[in-house]
N, C-alpha and C. Protein backbone atom coordinates (compact mmCIF):
# COMPACT_ATOMS: atom_id res chain seq x y z
N UNK A 1 -23.96 -134.59 43.39
CA UNK A 1 -23.27 -134.50 44.86
C UNK A 1 -24.13 -132.68 44.88
N UNK A 2 -24.42 -132.28 43.46
CA UNK A 2 -24.57 -130.70 43.31
C UNK A 2 -25.86 -130.73 43.63
N UNK A 3 -26.97 -131.55 43.39
CA UNK A 3 -27.84 -131.18 43.87
C UNK A 3 -28.44 -131.11 45.04
N UNK A 4 -27.83 -131.93 45.95
CA UNK A 4 -28.21 -132.30 47.91
C UNK A 4 -27.31 -130.37 48.08
N UNK A 5 -27.35 -130.11 47.23
CA UNK A 5 -27.38 -128.31 48.32
C UNK A 5 -27.69 -127.82 47.39
N UNK A 6 -29.00 -127.85 46.84
CA UNK A 6 -29.67 -126.88 45.66
C UNK A 6 -30.47 -126.44 46.15
N UNK A 7 -31.59 -125.57 45.98
CA UNK A 7 -32.66 -125.70 45.99
C UNK A 7 -33.62 -124.14 45.86
N UNK A 8 -35.08 -124.28 46.83
CA UNK A 8 -35.19 -123.10 46.95
C UNK A 8 -34.88 -121.97 48.30
N UNK A 9 -34.76 -121.63 48.64
CA UNK A 9 -33.72 -120.28 49.96
C UNK A 9 -35.14 -119.33 50.44
N UNK A 10 -34.61 -120.03 51.96
CA UNK A 10 -34.86 -118.90 53.11
C UNK A 10 -34.15 -118.23 53.29
N UNK A 11 -34.25 -116.50 53.51
CA UNK A 11 -33.48 -115.83 54.09
C UNK A 11 -34.20 -115.70 55.57
N UNK A 12 -32.92 -115.33 56.21
CA UNK A 12 -33.60 -115.55 58.02
C UNK A 12 -32.52 -113.52 58.07
N UNK A 13 -33.02 -112.67 57.98
CA UNK A 13 -32.62 -111.44 58.47
C UNK A 13 -32.37 -111.44 60.26
N UNK A 14 -31.59 -112.04 60.22
CA UNK A 14 -30.94 -112.09 62.13
C UNK A 14 -30.25 -112.04 62.44
N UNK A 15 -29.41 -111.73 63.05
CA UNK A 15 -27.65 -112.02 63.05
C UNK A 15 -27.87 -112.58 64.82
N UNK A 16 -27.40 -113.78 65.60
CA UNK A 16 -27.48 -114.89 66.26
C UNK A 16 -28.89 -115.81 66.71
N UNK A 17 -28.41 -115.92 65.15
CA UNK A 17 -30.02 -117.55 65.70
C UNK A 17 -29.44 -118.04 66.77
N UNK A 18 -29.99 -118.09 67.50
CA UNK A 18 -28.97 -119.63 68.46
C UNK A 18 -30.33 -121.18 68.14
N UNK A 19 -29.33 -122.26 69.01
CA UNK A 19 -29.47 -123.34 68.80
C UNK A 19 -31.88 -123.41 69.74
N UNK A 20 -31.49 -122.36 70.61
CA UNK A 20 -32.88 -122.95 70.90
C UNK A 20 -34.10 -122.95 70.33
N UNK A 21 -33.49 -121.71 69.40
CA UNK A 21 -34.28 -120.64 68.30
C UNK A 21 -34.54 -122.23 67.03
N UNK A 22 -33.29 -122.93 67.22
CA UNK A 22 -33.37 -123.88 65.15
C UNK A 22 -34.44 -124.72 66.02
N UNK A 23 -34.04 -125.26 66.63
CA UNK A 23 -34.92 -126.59 67.19
C UNK A 23 -35.24 -126.24 68.78
N UNK A 24 -36.59 -126.01 69.94
CA UNK A 24 -36.28 -125.13 71.11
C UNK A 24 -35.99 -126.28 71.88
N UNK A 25 -34.95 -126.63 72.89
CA UNK A 25 -34.69 -127.34 74.38
C UNK A 25 -35.39 -128.35 74.09
N UNK A 26 -37.01 -128.20 74.47
CA UNK A 26 -38.29 -129.14 75.33
C UNK A 26 -39.07 -130.26 74.34
N UNK A 27 -37.80 -130.51 72.45
CA UNK A 27 -37.74 -131.54 71.80
C UNK A 27 -36.38 -132.22 72.30
N UNK A 28 -35.42 -131.86 73.11
CA UNK A 28 -34.33 -132.60 73.07
C UNK A 28 -34.65 -133.79 73.27
N UNK A 29 -36.05 -134.54 74.49
CA UNK A 29 -35.96 -135.44 74.49
C UNK A 29 -36.81 -136.83 73.65
N UNK A 30 -37.12 -136.16 71.90
CA UNK A 30 -37.25 -137.32 71.20
C UNK A 30 -36.52 -138.55 70.96
N UNK A 31 -36.67 -139.52 70.01
CA UNK A 31 -35.79 -140.29 70.02
C UNK A 31 -35.68 -140.12 68.88
N UNK A 32 -36.03 -139.88 67.48
CA UNK A 32 -35.22 -139.80 66.03
C UNK A 32 -35.16 -138.89 65.50
N UNK A 33 -34.63 -138.09 64.64
CA UNK A 33 -34.59 -137.37 63.96
C UNK A 33 -36.08 -136.35 63.04
N UNK A 34 -36.73 -137.60 63.30
CA UNK A 34 -37.78 -137.05 61.98
C UNK A 34 -38.92 -136.53 63.68
N UNK A 35 -38.92 -137.29 64.05
CA UNK A 35 -39.78 -136.25 64.59
C UNK A 35 -40.00 -134.75 65.50
N UNK A 36 -38.43 -134.25 65.13
CA UNK A 36 -37.45 -133.01 65.68
C UNK A 36 -38.09 -131.93 64.05
N UNK A 37 -38.83 -133.28 63.19
CA UNK A 37 -38.86 -131.74 61.96
C UNK A 37 -40.27 -131.04 61.52
N UNK A 38 -41.00 -131.54 62.52
CA UNK A 38 -41.78 -129.47 62.63
C UNK A 38 -41.47 -129.21 62.94
N UNK A 39 -40.97 -129.08 64.30
CA UNK A 39 -40.56 -127.92 65.26
C UNK A 39 -39.45 -126.86 64.61
N UNK A 40 -38.88 -127.34 63.97
CA UNK A 40 -37.94 -126.41 62.94
C UNK A 40 -38.04 -124.86 63.12
N UNK A 41 -37.25 -124.11 63.79
CA UNK A 41 -37.54 -122.54 63.27
C UNK A 41 -38.61 -121.90 64.70
N UNK A 42 -39.21 -123.16 65.11
CA UNK A 42 -41.31 -122.46 65.31
C UNK A 42 -40.60 -121.54 66.54
N UNK A 43 -40.03 -121.33 67.23
CA UNK A 43 -39.80 -120.98 68.40
C UNK A 43 -38.68 -119.19 67.74
N UNK A 44 -38.22 -118.86 66.70
CA UNK A 44 -37.83 -117.96 65.90
C UNK A 44 -38.42 -116.78 66.20
N UNK A 45 -37.98 -115.96 66.88
CA UNK A 45 -38.28 -114.09 66.34
C UNK A 45 -37.91 -113.40 65.58
N UNK A 46 -39.03 -113.91 64.33
CA UNK A 46 -38.14 -112.58 62.83
C UNK A 46 -39.84 -111.84 62.66
N UNK A 47 -39.90 -110.21 62.74
CA UNK A 47 -41.01 -109.79 62.01
C UNK A 47 -41.38 -111.09 60.69
N UNK A 48 -42.68 -110.97 60.49
CA UNK A 48 -43.41 -111.96 59.35
C UNK A 48 -42.31 -113.29 59.22
N UNK A 49 -41.99 -113.97 59.88
CA UNK A 49 -41.77 -115.39 59.66
C UNK A 49 -42.41 -116.03 60.51
N UNK A 50 -43.03 -116.77 59.30
CA UNK A 50 -44.22 -118.45 60.07
C UNK A 50 -43.59 -119.32 59.92
N UNK A 51 -43.02 -119.68 60.11
CA UNK A 51 -42.37 -121.86 59.94
C UNK A 51 -43.02 -121.86 59.05
N UNK A 52 -44.74 -122.25 59.57
CA UNK A 52 -45.66 -123.49 58.38
C UNK A 52 -45.28 -122.68 57.55
N UNK A 53 -45.45 -120.95 57.03
CA UNK A 53 -45.75 -120.68 55.51
C UNK A 53 -44.49 -121.34 54.90
N UNK A 54 -43.26 -120.49 55.50
CA UNK A 54 -42.11 -120.26 55.21
C UNK A 54 -40.61 -121.07 55.15
N UNK A 55 -40.92 -122.42 55.44
CA UNK A 55 -40.06 -123.52 55.97
C UNK A 55 -39.50 -124.00 54.45
N UNK A 56 -41.22 -124.49 54.64
CA UNK A 56 -41.92 -125.92 53.01
C UNK A 56 -41.12 -125.17 51.59
N UNK A 57 -40.41 -126.32 51.78
CA UNK A 57 -39.93 -125.47 49.04
C UNK A 57 -38.64 -125.64 49.40
N UNK A 58 -38.11 -125.20 50.68
CA UNK A 58 -36.88 -124.73 50.40
C UNK A 58 -36.22 -125.29 51.12
N UNK A 59 -34.53 -125.46 50.85
CA UNK A 59 -33.69 -125.88 50.62
C UNK A 59 -32.33 -125.28 51.57
N UNK A 60 -31.93 -124.52 51.26
CA UNK A 60 -31.39 -123.89 52.13
C UNK A 60 -31.26 -122.73 52.64
N UNK A 61 -30.99 -122.04 53.49
CA UNK A 61 -31.22 -121.31 54.34
C UNK A 61 -29.60 -119.55 54.19
N UNK A 62 -30.25 -118.78 53.99
CA UNK A 62 -28.21 -117.41 53.65
C UNK A 62 -29.49 -116.71 55.06
N UNK A 63 -28.75 -116.31 55.71
CA UNK A 63 -28.19 -115.48 57.69
C UNK A 63 -27.40 -114.91 57.71
N UNK A 64 -27.87 -114.23 58.77
CA UNK A 64 -25.86 -113.20 58.90
C UNK A 64 -24.98 -113.66 59.83
N UNK A 65 -24.70 -112.57 61.27
CA UNK A 65 -23.89 -113.69 61.36
C UNK A 65 -23.94 -114.84 62.56
N UNK A 66 -23.34 -115.08 63.24
CA UNK A 66 -22.94 -116.38 63.98
C UNK A 66 -23.82 -117.43 64.62
N UNK A 67 -25.03 -117.52 63.32
CA UNK A 67 -25.67 -118.81 63.27
C UNK A 67 -25.19 -119.99 64.09
N UNK A 68 -26.40 -120.59 64.61
CA UNK A 68 -26.10 -121.68 65.29
C UNK A 68 -25.31 -121.20 66.99
N UNK A 69 -25.21 -119.87 67.34
CA UNK A 69 -24.46 -119.57 69.01
C UNK A 69 -25.71 -120.64 69.72
N UNK A 70 -25.06 -120.62 71.37
CA UNK A 70 -26.19 -121.55 72.02
C UNK A 70 -25.37 -122.21 72.24
N UNK A 71 -26.75 -123.51 73.15
CA UNK A 71 -25.55 -125.03 73.10
C UNK A 71 -25.56 -125.62 72.44
N UNK A 72 -24.40 -127.06 72.22
CA UNK A 72 -23.01 -127.03 71.75
C UNK A 72 -24.35 -128.74 71.17
N UNK A 73 -25.38 -128.56 70.28
CA UNK A 73 -26.15 -130.11 70.51
C UNK A 73 -26.77 -130.14 68.70
N UNK A 74 -25.92 -131.60 68.82
CA UNK A 74 -26.75 -131.84 67.28
C UNK A 74 -28.27 -131.47 67.05
N UNK A 75 -28.71 -131.25 67.35
CA UNK A 75 -30.15 -132.25 67.51
C UNK A 75 -30.51 -130.27 66.38
N UNK A 76 -29.85 -129.55 66.23
CA UNK A 76 -30.30 -127.73 65.44
C UNK A 76 -29.93 -128.75 64.31
N UNK A 77 -28.30 -129.19 63.69
CA UNK A 77 -28.02 -129.51 62.35
C UNK A 77 -29.03 -130.42 62.16
N UNK A 78 -29.14 -131.91 63.02
CA UNK A 78 -30.39 -132.95 63.41
C UNK A 78 -31.85 -131.99 62.30
N UNK A 79 -32.33 -131.06 63.04
CA UNK A 79 -33.76 -130.51 62.78
C UNK A 79 -33.67 -129.93 61.28
N UNK A 80 -32.10 -129.31 60.68
CA UNK A 80 -32.29 -129.16 59.70
C UNK A 80 -32.47 -130.07 58.16
N UNK A 81 -31.90 -130.72 58.68
CA UNK A 81 -31.33 -132.64 57.79
C UNK A 81 -32.70 -132.78 57.39
N UNK A 82 -33.62 -133.51 58.83
CA UNK A 82 -34.34 -133.94 58.45
C UNK A 82 -36.03 -132.99 57.38
N UNK A 83 -35.19 -132.28 57.35
CA UNK A 83 -36.12 -130.47 56.92
C UNK A 83 -35.70 -130.42 55.73
N UNK A 84 -34.56 -131.52 55.11
CA UNK A 84 -34.15 -131.78 53.79
C UNK A 84 -33.21 -130.05 53.45
N UNK A 85 -33.20 -129.35 54.67
CA UNK A 85 -32.23 -128.23 54.30
C UNK A 85 -30.42 -128.70 54.27
N UNK A 86 -29.47 -128.72 53.84
CA UNK A 86 -28.15 -129.04 53.92
C UNK A 86 -27.19 -128.29 53.66
N UNK A 87 -27.75 -127.03 53.50
CA UNK A 87 -27.21 -125.76 53.44
C UNK A 87 -27.29 -124.85 53.87
N UNK A 88 -26.33 -123.89 54.73
CA UNK A 88 -26.63 -122.41 55.28
C UNK A 88 -26.16 -121.72 55.04
N UNK A 89 -26.30 -120.65 55.33
CA UNK A 89 -25.14 -119.52 54.07
C UNK A 89 -25.30 -118.50 55.22
N UNK A 90 -23.73 -118.61 55.68
CA UNK A 90 -23.72 -116.84 56.19
C UNK A 90 -22.61 -116.10 56.58
N UNK A 91 -22.87 -115.50 57.19
CA UNK A 91 -21.53 -114.18 57.71
C UNK A 91 -20.38 -115.34 58.29
N UNK A 92 -21.38 -115.85 59.67
CA UNK A 92 -19.62 -116.65 60.62
C UNK A 92 -21.23 -117.69 60.89
N UNK A 93 -20.38 -118.97 61.46
CA UNK A 93 -21.64 -119.62 62.33
C UNK A 93 -20.66 -119.96 63.83
N UNK A 94 -21.57 -120.19 65.00
CA UNK A 94 -20.45 -120.78 66.01
C UNK A 94 -20.19 -121.54 65.81
N UNK A 95 -18.87 -121.90 66.30
CA UNK A 95 -17.99 -123.07 65.77
C UNK A 95 -18.24 -124.36 66.00
N UNK A 96 -18.77 -124.52 67.31
CA UNK A 96 -19.47 -126.19 67.74
C UNK A 96 -19.88 -126.27 65.78
N UNK A 97 -21.41 -125.54 66.53
CA UNK A 97 -22.78 -125.42 65.14
C UNK A 97 -22.23 -126.00 64.00
N UNK A 98 -21.62 -125.69 63.50
CA UNK A 98 -20.58 -125.50 62.09
C UNK A 98 -19.90 -126.73 61.94
N UNK A 99 -19.13 -126.99 62.71
CA UNK A 99 -18.87 -128.61 63.31
C UNK A 99 -19.91 -129.21 63.09
N UNK A 100 -20.19 -129.81 63.98
CA UNK A 100 -21.83 -130.09 63.14
C UNK A 100 -22.53 -130.38 61.98
N UNK A 101 -22.87 -129.17 61.41
CA UNK A 101 -23.54 -129.31 60.14
C UNK A 101 -22.09 -130.05 59.52
N UNK A 102 -20.99 -130.15 59.13
CA UNK A 102 -19.81 -131.09 58.56
C UNK A 102 -20.01 -132.31 59.10
N UNK A 103 -19.65 -132.44 60.61
CA UNK A 103 -20.03 -133.84 61.34
C UNK A 103 -21.90 -135.20 60.17
N UNK A 104 -22.81 -134.13 60.48
CA UNK A 104 -23.81 -134.13 59.66
C UNK A 104 -24.10 -134.70 57.66
N UNK A 105 -22.53 -134.51 57.26
CA UNK A 105 -22.83 -134.12 56.07
C UNK A 105 -23.62 -132.84 55.54
N UNK A 106 -23.38 -132.01 56.16
CA UNK A 106 -24.58 -130.82 55.74
C UNK A 106 -23.07 -130.07 55.58
N UNK A 107 -23.77 -128.74 55.05
CA UNK A 107 -22.74 -127.67 54.24
C UNK A 107 -22.50 -126.37 55.26
N UNK A 108 -22.53 -125.87 56.13
CA UNK A 108 -22.37 -124.72 55.97
C UNK A 108 -20.33 -123.93 55.46
N UNK A 109 -21.30 -122.74 54.82
CA UNK A 109 -20.49 -121.85 54.24
C UNK A 109 -20.42 -120.44 54.34
N UNK A 110 -19.10 -120.13 54.51
CA UNK A 110 -19.16 -118.50 55.61
C UNK A 110 -18.53 -118.10 54.26
N UNK A 111 -19.31 -116.56 54.28
CA UNK A 111 -19.41 -115.20 53.05
C UNK A 111 -19.05 -114.19 54.07
N UNK A 112 -18.64 -113.33 52.87
CA UNK A 112 -17.65 -111.93 53.98
C UNK A 112 -19.69 -111.02 54.24
N UNK A 113 -19.18 -110.23 55.18
CA UNK A 113 -20.63 -108.98 55.44
C UNK A 113 -21.39 -109.28 53.84
N UNK A 114 -20.20 -108.77 52.95
CA UNK A 114 -20.49 -107.45 52.34
C UNK A 114 -21.08 -108.52 50.78
N UNK A 115 -20.61 -109.82 50.92
CA UNK A 115 -21.03 -110.22 49.80
C UNK A 115 -22.73 -111.07 50.45
N UNK A 116 -22.91 -111.49 51.46
CA UNK A 116 -24.11 -111.29 52.90
C UNK A 116 -25.09 -110.14 52.24
N UNK A 117 -24.25 -109.19 52.33
CA UNK A 117 -25.71 -107.87 51.95
C UNK A 117 -25.81 -108.13 50.78
N UNK A 118 -25.10 -108.27 50.00
CA UNK A 118 -25.72 -108.01 48.40
C UNK A 118 -26.20 -108.84 48.07
N UNK A 119 -26.81 -110.64 48.37
CA UNK A 119 -27.36 -111.57 48.40
C UNK A 119 -28.59 -111.16 49.44
N UNK A 120 -28.99 -110.10 50.53
CA UNK A 120 -30.15 -109.93 51.06
C UNK A 120 -30.91 -108.49 49.96
N UNK A 121 -29.65 -107.79 49.61
CA UNK A 121 -30.12 -106.79 49.23
C UNK A 121 -30.79 -106.87 47.68
N UNK A 122 -30.85 -107.86 46.53
CA UNK A 122 -30.67 -108.35 45.58
C UNK A 122 -31.29 -109.29 45.82
N UNK A 123 -31.91 -109.94 46.37
CA UNK A 123 -33.06 -111.76 46.16
C UNK A 123 -33.23 -111.57 47.63
N UNK A 124 -33.49 -110.72 48.17
CA UNK A 124 -34.65 -110.71 49.73
C UNK A 124 -35.76 -110.15 49.06
N UNK A 125 -36.93 -111.68 49.41
CA UNK A 125 -37.91 -111.46 49.06
C UNK A 125 -38.71 -112.11 47.98
N UNK A 126 -37.02 -112.69 47.52
CA UNK A 126 -38.27 -113.00 45.99
C UNK A 126 -38.29 -114.18 46.02
N UNK A 127 -38.38 -114.88 44.48
CA UNK A 127 -38.14 -116.69 44.87
C UNK A 127 -37.21 -116.96 44.24
N UNK A 128 -36.44 -117.35 44.86
CA UNK A 128 -34.36 -118.00 44.91
C UNK A 128 -34.46 -118.43 44.89
N UNK A 129 -33.31 -120.00 44.27
CA UNK A 129 -33.09 -121.22 43.63
C UNK A 129 -31.53 -120.70 43.56
N UNK A 130 -31.27 -122.04 44.48
CA UNK A 130 -29.47 -121.59 44.33
C UNK A 130 -29.33 -123.56 43.89
N UNK A 131 -28.31 -122.48 42.94
CA UNK A 131 -27.57 -124.05 42.07
C UNK A 131 -26.05 -124.27 43.30
N UNK A 132 -25.77 -125.45 43.70
CA UNK A 132 -24.87 -125.50 44.49
C UNK A 132 -23.64 -126.63 42.90
N UNK A 133 -22.49 -126.39 42.92
CA UNK A 133 -21.29 -126.57 41.81
C UNK A 133 -20.56 -127.45 43.20
N UNK A 134 -20.80 -127.98 44.11
CA UNK A 134 -19.95 -128.37 45.09
C UNK A 134 -18.43 -128.43 44.29
N UNK A 135 -18.19 -129.35 43.69
CA UNK A 135 -17.06 -129.91 42.78
C UNK A 135 -15.82 -127.98 42.77
N UNK A 136 -16.88 -127.53 42.56
CA UNK A 136 -15.71 -126.24 42.38
C UNK A 136 -16.16 -125.10 42.78
N UNK A 137 -16.95 -125.61 44.14
CA UNK A 137 -17.32 -124.26 44.87
C UNK A 137 -17.52 -122.71 44.61
N UNK A 138 -18.84 -123.49 43.52
CA UNK A 138 -19.32 -122.30 43.41
C UNK A 138 -20.36 -122.93 43.37
N UNK A 139 -22.03 -121.58 43.79
CA UNK A 139 -23.45 -121.41 44.25
C UNK A 139 -23.28 -120.07 42.39
N UNK A 140 -24.64 -120.57 42.50
CA UNK A 140 -25.40 -119.81 40.96
C UNK A 140 -26.77 -119.84 41.27
N UNK A 141 -27.17 -118.14 41.64
CA UNK A 141 -27.92 -117.94 42.69
C UNK A 141 -29.09 -117.08 41.55
N UNK A 142 -30.36 -117.68 41.08
CA UNK A 142 -31.21 -117.14 40.27
C UNK A 142 -32.89 -117.06 40.57
N UNK A 143 -33.47 -115.84 40.32
CA UNK A 143 -34.10 -115.41 40.80
C UNK A 143 -35.39 -114.06 40.24
N UNK A 144 -36.38 -113.70 39.62
CA UNK A 144 -37.06 -113.24 38.95
C UNK A 144 -35.85 -112.91 37.44
N UNK A 145 -35.37 -114.23 36.58
CA UNK A 145 -34.24 -113.89 35.47
C UNK A 145 -33.36 -113.49 36.07
N UNK A 146 -32.97 -112.66 36.56
CA UNK A 146 -30.97 -112.58 37.13
C UNK A 146 -30.61 -113.64 37.78
N UNK A 147 -28.95 -113.76 37.92
CA UNK A 147 -28.61 -114.71 37.38
C UNK A 147 -26.99 -114.74 38.16
N UNK A 148 -26.35 -115.16 39.50
CA UNK A 148 -25.85 -113.99 40.49
C UNK A 148 -24.81 -115.45 41.20
N UNK A 149 -23.37 -115.76 40.73
CA UNK A 149 -22.50 -116.94 41.01
C UNK A 149 -21.57 -115.83 41.42
N UNK A 150 -20.98 -116.91 42.48
CA UNK A 150 -20.14 -116.39 43.57
C UNK A 150 -19.48 -117.47 44.37
N UNK A 151 -18.54 -117.51 44.83
CA UNK A 151 -17.71 -118.14 45.02
C UNK A 151 -17.51 -118.92 46.25
N UNK A 152 -17.07 -119.72 46.70
CA UNK A 152 -16.78 -120.50 48.22
C UNK A 152 -15.73 -120.81 48.53
N UNK A 153 -14.73 -121.11 50.10
CA UNK A 153 -13.86 -121.72 50.63
C UNK A 153 -14.61 -122.44 51.46
N UNK A 154 -13.90 -123.51 51.70
CA UNK A 154 -14.15 -124.47 52.38
C UNK A 154 -13.01 -126.10 52.91
N UNK A 155 -12.73 -125.63 54.27
CA UNK A 155 -11.81 -126.39 54.27
C UNK A 155 -11.53 -127.93 53.39
N UNK A 156 -10.20 -128.79 53.45
CA UNK A 156 -10.65 -129.56 53.15
C UNK A 156 -10.97 -130.98 53.41
N UNK A 157 -10.95 -130.69 54.64
CA UNK A 157 -11.35 -131.20 55.67
C UNK A 157 -12.58 -131.79 55.68
N UNK A 158 -13.77 -130.57 56.23
CA UNK A 158 -14.91 -130.89 55.85
C UNK A 158 -14.78 -130.25 54.34
N UNK A 159 -14.64 -130.60 53.88
CA UNK A 159 -15.25 -131.03 52.70
C UNK A 159 -15.17 -132.85 52.94
N UNK A 160 -14.38 -133.08 52.68
CA UNK A 160 -14.16 -134.13 53.17
C UNK A 160 -15.17 -135.32 53.51
N UNK A 161 -15.27 -133.85 54.71
CA UNK A 161 -16.71 -135.02 55.54
C UNK A 161 -17.68 -134.85 54.74
N UNK A 162 -18.65 -133.76 54.24
CA UNK A 162 -19.48 -133.71 53.32
C UNK A 162 -19.51 -134.67 51.91
N UNK A 163 -18.41 -134.60 51.49
CA UNK A 163 -18.49 -135.28 50.22
C UNK A 163 -18.88 -137.42 50.81
N UNK A 164 -17.37 -137.29 52.22
CA UNK A 164 -18.76 -139.12 52.62
C UNK A 164 -20.25 -138.92 53.76
N UNK A 165 -20.33 -137.63 53.46
CA UNK A 165 -21.87 -138.33 54.56
C UNK A 165 -21.91 -137.86 55.55
N UNK A 166 -20.41 -137.46 56.29
CA UNK A 166 -20.81 -136.85 57.76
C UNK A 166 -19.48 -137.49 58.47
N UNK A 167 -19.61 -137.24 59.58
CA UNK A 167 -18.17 -137.89 60.75
C UNK A 167 -18.14 -139.71 60.74
N UNK A 168 -19.77 -140.25 60.60
CA UNK A 168 -19.32 -141.58 60.36
C UNK A 168 -19.11 -141.86 59.69
N UNK A 169 -19.59 -141.70 58.36
CA UNK A 169 -19.22 -142.77 56.97
C UNK A 169 -17.68 -141.68 57.14
N UNK A 170 -16.97 -140.84 57.35
CA UNK A 170 -16.23 -140.59 56.67
C UNK A 170 -14.86 -141.79 57.40
N UNK A 171 -15.33 -142.20 58.52
CA UNK A 171 -14.84 -142.46 59.99
C UNK A 171 -14.55 -143.59 59.33
N UNK A 172 -15.74 -144.68 58.73
CA UNK A 172 -16.06 -145.46 58.05
C UNK A 172 -15.35 -146.94 56.93
N UNK A 173 -15.06 -145.02 56.30
CA UNK A 173 -14.22 -145.12 55.05
C UNK A 173 -12.71 -145.31 54.99
N UNK A 174 -12.40 -144.20 56.08
CA UNK A 174 -10.83 -143.94 56.45
C UNK A 174 -10.08 -145.07 57.65
N UNK A 175 -11.06 -145.47 57.99
CA UNK A 175 -10.27 -145.67 59.31
C UNK A 175 -9.98 -147.71 60.13
């Protein structure tokens, strides 16, 4: 389970990244999750960010406040999932986006602004790897020989959804 939420980190240093920036609305007619993959974050306006260069090999996003605001559709978490990004760490999330992450078996973790600021100040611009110990709610963040550990919390039901692989799998097991 822990390797599923571990990997290289993509830092997105902006608040209010909306679902249209995560996956542009023009792709909502696609019939498969896989068709969304190449278009992840292609409309994101962020100085120095190039989705073709910066997403490859990343499994985790660290960002600021209100990630996933905008329209409430599952396509945004699906586009992350199909790109093997299964963990997003932010100061906070739009409520429906966060629940859609859990419903898809993905992990959305909120950390205090001060901790997000610390992660950006210590690790932004470096090659960063996060190892997630999901069972113990622990992240080990490594870059340039530095290691930082921090704990996180997640509601029991949301954790059960993630452990099951999403809402459908959870329902199959429990109902």
